[in-house]
């Protein structure tokens, strides 16, 4: 998702996209319906295929973008073979075999098979066995284990950038046109959700009526919820480790 020291607008957008992709926080129509039911309730049909409900899973498996996803992988493969391997080869005389090209094709087929696999690849997550196989296959092309990890990171970053450029951005443009047809304005989207404002006012009134002891208990409960959230994150990472998944092939 880019160099963490880079603060350009472009890099920040790419980083934000990756984080939202990981947590299913992208503004897909099903998420917008949850956040703003006063605007999007019952308006969740995919703007690309116009057949199914738009969720993150559907967006990454939509028939409308199937060929685009395949083309993204072809471009990724081309980068690996023509740019990154020649740049990092310890022995420039070693030729890339058709067997290695088949390996990349099989890797692409498996990655594009499920939306979960696409997300994991975008985030640089892979099973231990896949990681070892990656190192083994690149070693046959004259790439050391350390350089193989660098190439994997470059591949993952290029893939997620391409996904955002060729699928997410066009989808957003289509959604904006659809919103215009539906009479959904930017001002309307940026306005406060009347239901949420009403609920917040009710919570404030309820909180003000509570005795001090209950307020302190509420604060303790909120602290407890925050700790639970952090614990859930730790457990998620622990499950990744138990399942043998690797982060950016490290």
C-alpha atoms as a PDB file:
ATOM      1  CA  UNK A   1       0.000   0.000   0.000  1.00  0.00           C
ATOM      2  CA  UNK A   2       2.941   2.271  -0.508  1.00  0.00           C
ATOM      3  CA  UNK A   3       5.798   3.663   1.559  1.00  0.00           C
ATOM      4  CA  UNK A   4       4.571   4.635   5.043  1.00  0.00           C
ATOM      5  CA  UNK A   5       6.803   7.734   4.923  1.00  0.00           C
ATOM      6  CA  UNK A   6       5.126   9.010   1.761  1.00  0.00           C
ATOM      7  CA  UNK A   7       2.439  11.581   2.574  1.00  0.00           C
ATOM      8  CA  UNK A   8       1.229  12.407  -0.943  1.00  0.00           C
ATOM      9  CA  UNK A   9      -2.527  12.538  -1.515  1.00  0.00           C
ATOM     10  CA  UNK A  10      -2.295   9.647  -3.974  1.00  0.00           C
ATOM     11  CA  UNK A  11      -0.417   7.399  -1.516  1.00  0.00           C
ATOM     12  CA  UNK A  12      -2.832   8.312   1.293  1.00  0.00           C
ATOM     13  CA  UNK A  13      -5.827   7.379  -0.872  1.00  0.00           C
ATOM     14  CA  UNK A  14      -4.226   4.052  -1.796  1.00  0.00           C
ATOM     15  CA  UNK A  15      -3.455   3.344   1.865  1.00  0.00           C
ATOM     16  CA  UNK A  16      -6.992   4.260   2.932  1.00  0.00           C
ATOM     17  CA  UNK A  17      -8.428   2.008   0.225  1.00  0.00           C
ATOM     18  CA  UNK A  18      -6.398  -0.947   1.500  1.00  0.00           C
ATOM     19  CA  UNK A  19      -7.454  -0.372   5.114  1.00  0.00           C
ATOM     20  CA  UNK A  20     -11.141  -0.041   4.180  1.00  0.00           C
ATOM     21  CA  UNK A  21     -10.868  -3.135   1.983  1.00  0.00           C
ATOM     22  CA  UNK A  22      -9.465  -5.103   4.924  1.00  0.00           C
ATOM     23  CA  UNK A  23     -12.298  -4.062   7.273  1.00  0.00           C
ATOM     24  CA  UNK A  24     -15.123  -4.091   4.684  1.00  0.00           C
ATOM     25  CA  UNK A  25     -15.568  -0.337   5.196  1.00  0.00           C
ATOM     26  CA  UNK A  26     -15.606   0.698   1.525  1.00  0.00           C
ATOM     27  CA  UNK A  27     -18.792   2.645   0.673  1.00  0.00           C
ATOM     28  CA  UNK A  28     -20.431  -0.195  -1.230  1.00  0.00           C
ATOM     29  CA  UNK A  29     -24.195   0.195  -1.548  1.00  0.00           C
ATOM     30  CA  UNK A  30     -24.933  -2.361   1.178  1.00  0.00           C
ATOM     31  CA  UNK A  31     -22.727  -0.387   3.590  1.00  0.00           C
ATOM     32  CA  UNK A  32     -24.305   2.900   2.508  1.00  0.00           C
ATOM     33  CA  UNK A  33     -27.732   1.406   3.191  1.00  0.00           C
ATOM     34  CA  UNK A  34     -26.640   0.584   6.745  1.00  0.00           C
ATOM     35  CA  UNK A  35     -25.152   4.054   7.309  1.00  0.00           C
ATOM     36  CA  UNK A  36     -27.838   6.095   5.588  1.00  0.00           C
ATOM     37  CA  UNK A  37     -31.077   4.104   5.333  1.00  0.00           C
ATOM     38  CA  UNK A  38     -32.926   7.411   4.905  1.00  0.00           C
ATOM     39  CA  UNK A  39     -31.193   7.743   1.494  1.00  0.00           C
ATOM     40  CA  UNK A  40     -30.176   4.260   0.299  1.00  0.00           C
ATOM     41  CA  UNK A  41     -32.803   1.924   1.777  1.00  0.00           C
ATOM     42  CA  UNK A  42     -33.749  -0.606  -0.917  1.00  0.00           C
ATOM     43  CA  UNK A  43     -31.290   0.934  -3.407  1.00  0.00           C
ATOM     44  CA  UNK A  44     -28.446  -1.564  -3.289  1.00  0.00           C
ATOM     45  CA  UNK A  45     -28.474  -3.140  -6.774  1.00  0.00           C
ATOM     46  CA  UNK A  46     -24.985  -3.292  -8.305  1.00  0.00           C
ATOM     47  CA  UNK A  47     -24.514  -0.397 -10.748  1.00  0.00           C
ATOM     48  CA  UNK A  48     -22.136  -2.509 -12.848  1.00  0.00           C
ATOM     49  CA  UNK A  49     -24.161  -5.656 -13.595  1.00  0.00           C
ATOM     50  CA  UNK A  50     -27.539  -4.301 -12.365  1.00  0.00           C
ATOM     51  CA  UNK A  51     -28.511  -7.814 -11.250  1.00  0.00           C
ATOM     52  CA  UNK A  52     -27.351  -8.473  -7.685  1.00  0.00           C
ATOM     53  CA  UNK A  53     -26.993  -6.620  -4.413  1.00  0.00           C
ATOM     54  CA  UNK A  54     -23.701  -4.736  -4.256  1.00  0.00           C
ATOM     55  CA  UNK A  55     -21.513  -6.013  -1.440  1.00  0.00           C
ATOM     56  CA  UNK A  56     -17.735  -6.208  -1.238  1.00  0.00           C
ATOM     57  CA  UNK A  57     -17.882  -9.920  -2.052  1.00  0.00           C
ATOM     58  CA  UNK A  58     -20.072  -9.249  -5.085  1.00  0.00           C
ATOM     59  CA  UNK A  59     -17.888  -6.364  -6.284  1.00  0.00           C
ATOM     60  CA  UNK A  60     -14.856  -8.679  -6.394  1.00  0.00           C
ATOM     61  CA  UNK A  61     -16.752 -11.476  -8.158  1.00  0.00           C
ATOM     62  CA  UNK A  62     -19.163  -9.479 -10.357  1.00  0.00           C
ATOM     63  CA  UNK A  63     -19.535 -10.940 -13.864  1.00  0.00           C
ATOM     64  CA  UNK A  64     -19.315  -7.416 -15.297  1.00  0.00           C
ATOM     65  CA  UNK A  65     -15.696  -7.051 -14.091  1.00  0.00           C
ATOM     66  CA  UNK A  66     -14.567 -10.660 -14.644  1.00  0.00           C
ATOM     67  CA  UNK A  67     -12.499  -9.865 -17.751  1.00  0.00           C
ATOM     68  CA  UNK A  68     -11.072  -6.766 -16.061  1.00  0.00           C
ATOM     69  CA  UNK A  69      -9.855  -8.882 -13.137  1.00  0.00           C
ATOM     70  CA  UNK A  70      -8.206 -11.323 -15.550  1.00  0.00           C
ATOM     71  CA  UNK A  71      -6.541  -8.429 -17.372  1.00  0.00           C
ATOM     72  CA  UNK A  72      -5.260  -7.038 -14.063  1.00  0.00           C
ATOM     73  CA  UNK A  73      -3.602 -10.369 -13.323  1.00  0.00           C
ATOM     74  CA  UNK A  74      -2.071 -10.488 -16.822  1.00  0.00           C
ATOM     75  CA  UNK A  75      -0.595  -7.018 -16.253  1.00  0.00           C
ATOM     76  CA  UNK A  76       0.694  -8.144 -12.843  1.00  0.00           C
ATOM     77  CA  UNK A  77       2.313 -11.232 -14.401  1.00  0.00           C
ATOM     78  CA  UNK A  78       3.936  -9.088 -17.081  1.00  0.00           C
ATOM     79  CA  UNK A  79       5.419  -6.811 -14.419  1.00  0.00           C
ATOM     80  CA  UNK A  80       6.860  -9.802 -12.554  1.00  0.00           C
ATOM     81  CA  UNK A  81       8.433 -11.380 -15.636  1.00  0.00           C
ATOM     82  CA  UNK A  82       9.606  -8.279 -17.524  1.00  0.00           C
ATOM     83  CA  UNK A  83      10.487  -5.866 -14.715  1.00  0.00           C
ATOM     84  CA  UNK A  84      10.961  -7.214 -11.220  1.00  0.00           C
ATOM     85  CA  UNK A  85      12.667 -10.565 -11.863  1.00  0.00           C
ATOM     86  CA  UNK A  86      15.290  -9.163 -14.307  1.00  0.00           C
ATOM     87  CA  UNK A  87      15.971  -6.314 -11.870  1.00  0.00           C
ATOM     88  CA  UNK A  88      16.631  -8.651  -8.907  1.00  0.00           C
ATOM     89  CA  UNK A  89      18.205 -11.695 -10.597  1.00  0.00           C
ATOM     90  CA  UNK A  90      21.576 -12.727  -9.175  1.00  0.00           C
ATOM     91  CA  UNK A  91      22.362 -14.485 -12.472  1.00  0.00           C
ATOM     92  CA  UNK A  92      21.080 -12.544 -15.476  1.00  0.00           C
ATOM     93  CA  UNK A  93      21.699 -15.486 -17.805  1.00  0.00           C
ATOM     94  CA  UNK A  94      18.935 -17.625 -16.277  1.00  0.00           C
ATOM     95  CA  UNK A  95      15.887 -17.664 -18.545  1.00  0.00           C
ATOM     96  CA  UNK A  96      12.306 -17.697 -17.232  1.00  0.00           C
ATOM     97  CA  UNK A  97      10.803 -21.078 -18.095  1.00  0.00           C
ATOM     98  CA  UNK A  98       7.294 -21.873 -19.282  1.00  0.00           C
ATOM     99  CA  UNK A  99       6.918 -23.840 -16.032  1.00  0.00           C
ATOM    100  CA  UNK A 100       7.253 -20.600 -14.059  1.00  0.00           C
ATOM    101  CA  UNK A 101       4.694 -18.901 -16.284  1.00  0.00           C
ATOM    102  CA  UNK A 102       2.320 -21.808 -15.588  1.00  0.00           C
ATOM    103  CA  UNK A 103       2.948 -21.316 -11.857  1.00  0.00           C
ATOM    104  CA  UNK A 104       1.922 -17.656 -12.135  1.00  0.00           C
ATOM    105  CA  UNK A 105      -1.174 -18.591 -14.141  1.00  0.00           C
ATOM    106  CA  UNK A 106      -2.253 -21.119 -11.496  1.00  0.00           C
ATOM    107  CA  UNK A 107      -1.592 -18.579  -8.759  1.00  0.00           C
ATOM    108  CA  UNK A 108      -3.769 -16.064 -10.608  1.00  0.00           C
ATOM    109  CA  UNK A 109      -6.578 -18.587 -11.149  1.00  0.00           C
ATOM    110  CA  UNK A 110      -6.593 -19.416  -7.438  1.00  0.00           C
ATOM    111  CA  UNK A 111      -6.446 -15.738  -6.405  1.00  0.00           C
ATOM    112  CA  UNK A 112      -9.326 -14.700  -8.670  1.00  0.00           C
ATOM    113  CA  UNK A 113     -11.437 -17.716  -7.714  1.00  0.00           C
ATOM    114  CA  UNK A 114     -12.855 -16.169  -4.516  1.00  0.00           C
ATOM    115  CA  UNK A 115     -13.274 -12.600  -3.301  1.00  0.00           C
ATOM    116  CA  UNK A 116     -11.613 -13.649  -0.019  1.00  0.00           C
ATOM    117  CA  UNK A 117      -8.512 -14.753  -1.946  1.00  0.00           C
ATOM    118  CA  UNK A 118      -8.412 -11.418  -3.792  1.00  0.00           C
ATOM    119  CA  UNK A 119      -8.581  -9.480  -0.513  1.00  0.00           C
ATOM    120  CA  UNK A 120      -5.865 -11.640   1.082  1.00  0.00           C
ATOM    121  CA  UNK A 121      -3.576 -11.155  -1.925  1.00  0.00           C
ATOM    122  CA  UNK A 122      -4.182  -7.391  -1.886  1.00  0.00           C
ATOM    123  CA  UNK A 123      -3.180  -7.332   1.788  1.00  0.00           C
ATOM    124  CA  UNK A 124      -0.114  -9.497   1.193  1.00  0.00           C
ATOM    125  CA  UNK A 125      -1.522 -12.478   3.121  1.00  0.00           C
ATOM    126  CA  UNK A 126      -0.582 -15.983   2.018  1.00  0.00           C
ATOM    127  CA  UNK A 127      -0.384 -19.472   3.495  1.00  0.00           C
ATOM    128  CA  UNK A 128       2.989 -20.780   4.629  1.00  0.00           C
ATOM    129  CA  UNK A 129       2.926 -23.461   1.925  1.00  0.00           C
ATOM    130  CA  UNK A 130       2.178 -20.833  -0.768  1.00  0.00           C
ATOM    131  CA  UNK A 131       4.981 -18.648   0.586  1.00  0.00           C
ATOM    132  CA  UNK A 132       7.496 -21.513   0.412  1.00  0.00           C
ATOM    133  CA  UNK A 133       6.336 -22.398  -3.092  1.00  0.00           C
ATOM    134  CA  UNK A 134       6.731 -18.745  -4.168  1.00  0.00           C
ATOM    135  CA  UNK A 135      10.316 -18.685  -2.853  1.00  0.00           C
ATOM    136  CA  UNK A 136      11.040 -22.049  -4.514  1.00  0.00           C
ATOM    137  CA  UNK A 137       9.694 -21.022  -7.919  1.00  0.00           C
ATOM    138  CA  UNK A 138      11.530 -17.684  -7.902  1.00  0.00           C
ATOM    139  CA  UNK A 139      14.740 -19.402  -6.792  1.00  0.00           C
ATOM    140  CA  UNK A 140      14.637 -21.295 -10.113  1.00  0.00           C
ATOM    141  CA  UNK A 141      14.796 -17.939 -11.912  1.00  0.00           C
ATOM    142  CA  UNK A 142      17.862 -16.810  -9.925  1.00  0.00           C
ATOM    143  CA  UNK A 143      16.039 -14.883  -7.191  1.00  0.00           C
ATOM    144  CA  UNK A 144      17.175 -15.143  -3.567  1.00  0.00           C
ATOM    145  CA  UNK A 145      14.651 -15.623  -0.745  1.00  0.00           C
ATOM    146  CA  UNK A 146      15.027 -12.006   0.380  1.00  0.00           C
ATOM    147  CA  UNK A 147      14.482 -10.651  -3.140  1.00  0.00           C
ATOM    148  CA  UNK A 148      11.515 -13.016  -3.591  1.00  0.00           C
ATOM    149  CA  UNK A 149       9.813 -11.334  -0.615  1.00  0.00           C
ATOM    150  CA  UNK A 150      10.463  -7.897  -2.147  1.00  0.00           C
ATOM    151  CA  UNK A 151       8.918  -9.043  -5.449  1.00  0.00           C
ATOM    152  CA  UNK A 152       5.896 -10.453  -3.600  1.00  0.00           C
ATOM    153  CA  UNK A 153       5.339  -7.112  -1.856  1.00  0.00           C
ATOM    154  CA  UNK A 154       5.655  -5.247  -5.179  1.00  0.00           C
ATOM    155  CA  UNK A 155       3.215  -7.724  -6.768  1.00  0.00           C
ATOM    156  CA  UNK A 156       0.665  -7.290  -3.981  1.00  0.00           C
ATOM    157  CA  UNK A 157       0.916  -3.496  -4.103  1.00  0.00           C
ATOM    158  CA  UNK A 158       0.644  -3.364  -7.893  1.00  0.00           C
ATOM    159  CA  UNK A 159      -2.378  -5.683  -7.799  1.00  0.00           C
ATOM    160  CA  UNK A 160      -4.316  -3.606  -5.247  1.00  0.00           C
ATOM    161  CA  UNK A 161      -3.500  -0.353  -7.072  1.00  0.00           C
ATOM    162  CA  UNK A 162      -4.744  -1.870 -10.344  1.00  0.00           C
ATOM    163  CA  UNK A 163      -7.882  -3.140  -8.624  1.00  0.00           C
ATOM    164  CA  UNK A 164      -8.626   0.343  -7.321  1.00  0.00           C
ATOM    165  CA  UNK A 165      -7.851   2.014 -10.659  1.00  0.00           C
ATOM    166  CA  UNK A 166      -9.695  -0.350 -13.016  1.00  0.00           C
ATOM    167  CA  UNK A 167     -12.593  -1.617 -10.874  1.00  0.00           C
ATOM    168  CA  UNK A 168     -13.254   0.598  -7.843  1.00  0.00           C
ATOM    169  CA  UNK A 169     -12.775   4.009  -9.488  1.00  0.00           C
ATOM    170  CA  UNK A 170     -14.982   3.213 -12.547  1.00  0.00           C
ATOM    171  CA  UNK A 171     -17.575   1.764 -10.156  1.00  0.00           C
ATOM    172  CA  UNK A 172     -17.554   5.052  -8.186  1.00  0.00           C
ATOM    173  CA  UNK A 173     -18.033   7.052 -11.400  1.00  0.00           C
ATOM    174  CA  UNK A 174     -21.027   4.879 -12.347  1.00  0.00           C
ATOM    175  CA  UNK A 175     -22.438   5.220  -8.836  1.00  0.00           C
ATOM    176  CA  UNK A 176     -22.202   9.015  -9.017  1.00  0.00           C
ATOM    177  CA  UNK A 177     -24.139   9.024 -12.306  1.00  0.00           C
ATOM    178  CA  UNK A 178     -26.737   6.679 -10.789  1.00  0.00           C
ATOM    179  CA  UNK A 179     -27.079   8.916  -7.714  1.00  0.00           C
ATOM    180  CA  UNK A 180     -27.626  11.911  -9.973  1.00  0.00           C
ATOM    181  CA  UNK A 181     -30.420  10.041 -11.775  1.00  0.00           C
ATOM    182  CA  UNK A 182     -31.952   9.092  -8.413  1.00  0.00           C
ATOM    183  CA  UNK A 183     -31.813  12.697  -7.191  1.00  0.00           C
ATOM    184  CA  UNK A 184     -29.271  11.935  -4.449  1.00  0.00           C
ATOM    185  CA  UNK A 185     -27.188  15.102  -4.009  1.00  0.00           C
ATOM    186  CA  UNK A 186     -23.815  15.657  -2.357  1.00  0.00           C
ATOM    187  CA  UNK A 187     -25.416  17.989   0.173  1.00  0.00           C
ATOM    188  CA  UNK A 188     -27.929  15.290   1.061  1.00  0.00           C
ATOM    189  CA  UNK A 189     -25.169  12.713   1.549  1.00  0.00           C
ATOM    190  CA  UNK A 190     -23.135  15.061   3.737  1.00  0.00           C
ATOM    191  CA  UNK A 191     -26.085  16.066   5.867  1.00  0.00           C
ATOM    192  CA  UNK A 192     -26.608  14.398   9.205  1.00  0.00           C
ATOM    193  CA  UNK A 193     -28.688  11.280   9.339  1.00  0.00           C
ATOM    194  CA  UNK A 194     -31.927  12.483  11.008  1.00  0.00           C
ATOM    195  CA  UNK A 195     -32.439   9.113  12.679  1.00  0.00           C
ATOM    196  CA  UNK A 196     -28.870   9.093  14.047  1.00  0.00           C
ATOM    197  CA  UNK A 197     -29.226  12.696  15.297  1.00  0.00           C
ATOM    198  CA  UNK A 198     -32.470  11.780  17.046  1.00  0.00           C
ATOM    199  CA  UNK A 199     -30.895   8.721  18.689  1.00  0.00           C
ATOM    200  CA  UNK A 200     -27.873  10.767  19.802  1.00  0.00           C
ATOM    201  CA  UNK A 201     -30.144  13.378  21.415  1.00  0.00           C
ATOM    202  CA  UNK A 202     -32.036  10.629  23.213  1.00  0.00           C
ATOM    203  CA  UNK A 203     -28.786   9.104  24.491  1.00  0.00           C
ATOM    204  CA  UNK A 204     -27.571  12.491  25.762  1.00  0.00           C
ATOM    205  CA  UNK A 205     -30.862  13.118  27.586  1.00  0.00           C
ATOM    206  CA  UNK A 206     -30.748   9.645  29.091  1.00  0.00           C
ATOM    207  CA  UNK A 207     -27.110  10.113  30.139  1.00  0.00           C
ATOM    208  CA  UNK A 208     -27.826  13.461  31.789  1.00  0.00           C
ATOM    209  CA  UNK A 209     -30.630  11.907  33.818  1.00  0.00           C
ATOM    210  CA  UNK A 210     -28.370   9.167  35.178  1.00  0.00           C
ATOM    211  CA  UNK A 211     -26.790   9.495  38.635  1.00  0.00           C
ATOM    212  CA  UNK A 212     -23.055  10.040  38.727  1.00  0.00           C
ATOM    213  CA  UNK A 213     -22.360   6.423  39.654  1.00  0.00           C
ATOM    214  CA  UNK A 214     -24.152   5.189  36.536  1.00  0.00           C
ATOM    215  CA  UNK A 215     -22.231   7.656  34.344  1.00  0.00           C
ATOM    216  CA  UNK A 216     -18.948   6.322  35.737  1.00  0.00           C
ATOM    217  CA  UNK A 217     -20.153   2.776  35.069  1.00  0.00           C
ATOM    218  CA  UNK A 218     -21.000   3.789  31.474  1.00  0.00           C
ATOM    219  CA  UNK A 219     -17.453   5.140  31.022  1.00  0.00           C
ATOM    220  CA  UNK A 220     -16.076   1.883  32.417  1.00  0.00           C
ATOM    221  CA  UNK A 221     -18.255  -0.065  29.974  1.00  0.00           C
ATOM    222  CA  UNK A 222     -16.941   2.038  27.091  1.00  0.00           C
ATOM    223  CA  UNK A 223     -13.346   1.378  28.194  1.00  0.00           C
ATOM    224  CA  UNK A 224     -14.204  -2.311  28.420  1.00  0.00           C
ATOM    225  CA  UNK A 225     -15.611  -2.243  24.850  1.00  0.00           C
ATOM    226  CA  UNK A 226     -12.442  -0.583  23.556  1.00  0.00           C
ATOM    227  CA  UNK A 227     -10.336  -3.263  25.248  1.00  0.00           C
ATOM    228  CA  UNK A 228     -12.540  -5.944  23.707  1.00  0.00           C
ATOM    229  CA  UNK A 229     -12.011  -4.395  20.260  1.00  0.00           C
ATOM    230  CA  UNK A 230      -8.236  -4.481  20.719  1.00  0.00           C
ATOM    231  CA  UNK A 231      -8.463  -8.065  21.965  1.00  0.00           C
ATOM    232  CA  UNK A 232     -10.495  -9.024  18.891  1.00  0.00           C
ATOM    233  CA  UNK A 233      -7.783  -7.539  16.665  1.00  0.00           C
ATOM    234  CA  UNK A 234      -5.114  -9.508  18.549  1.00  0.00           C
ATOM    235  CA  UNK A 235      -7.146 -12.700  18.210  1.00  0.00           C
ATOM    236  CA  UNK A 236      -7.596 -12.122  14.459  1.00  0.00           C
ATOM    237  CA  UNK A 237      -3.829 -11.797  14.033  1.00  0.00           C
ATOM    238  CA  UNK A 238      -3.318 -14.861  16.246  1.00  0.00           C
ATOM    239  CA  UNK A 239      -5.689 -16.903  14.057  1.00  0.00           C
ATOM    240  CA  UNK A 240      -3.726 -15.776  10.991  1.00  0.00           C
ATOM    241  CA  UNK A 241      -0.565 -17.086  12.656  1.00  0.00           C
ATOM    242  CA  UNK A 242      -2.221 -20.373  13.675  1.00  0.00           C
ATOM    243  CA  UNK A 243      -3.527 -20.888  10.129  1.00  0.00           C
ATOM    244  CA  UNK A 244      -0.007 -20.357   8.812  1.00  0.00           C
ATOM    245  CA  UNK A 245      -0.825 -17.122   6.990  1.00  0.00           C
ATOM    246  CA  UNK A 246       1.981 -14.668   6.344  1.00  0.00           C
ATOM    247  CA  UNK A 247       1.718 -10.877   6.173  1.00  0.00           C
ATOM    248  CA  UNK A 248       3.377  -9.520   3.012  1.00  0.00           C
ATOM    249  CA  UNK A 249       5.192 -12.870   2.778  1.00  0.00           C
ATOM    250  CA  UNK A 250       7.257 -12.045   5.866  1.00  0.00           C
END
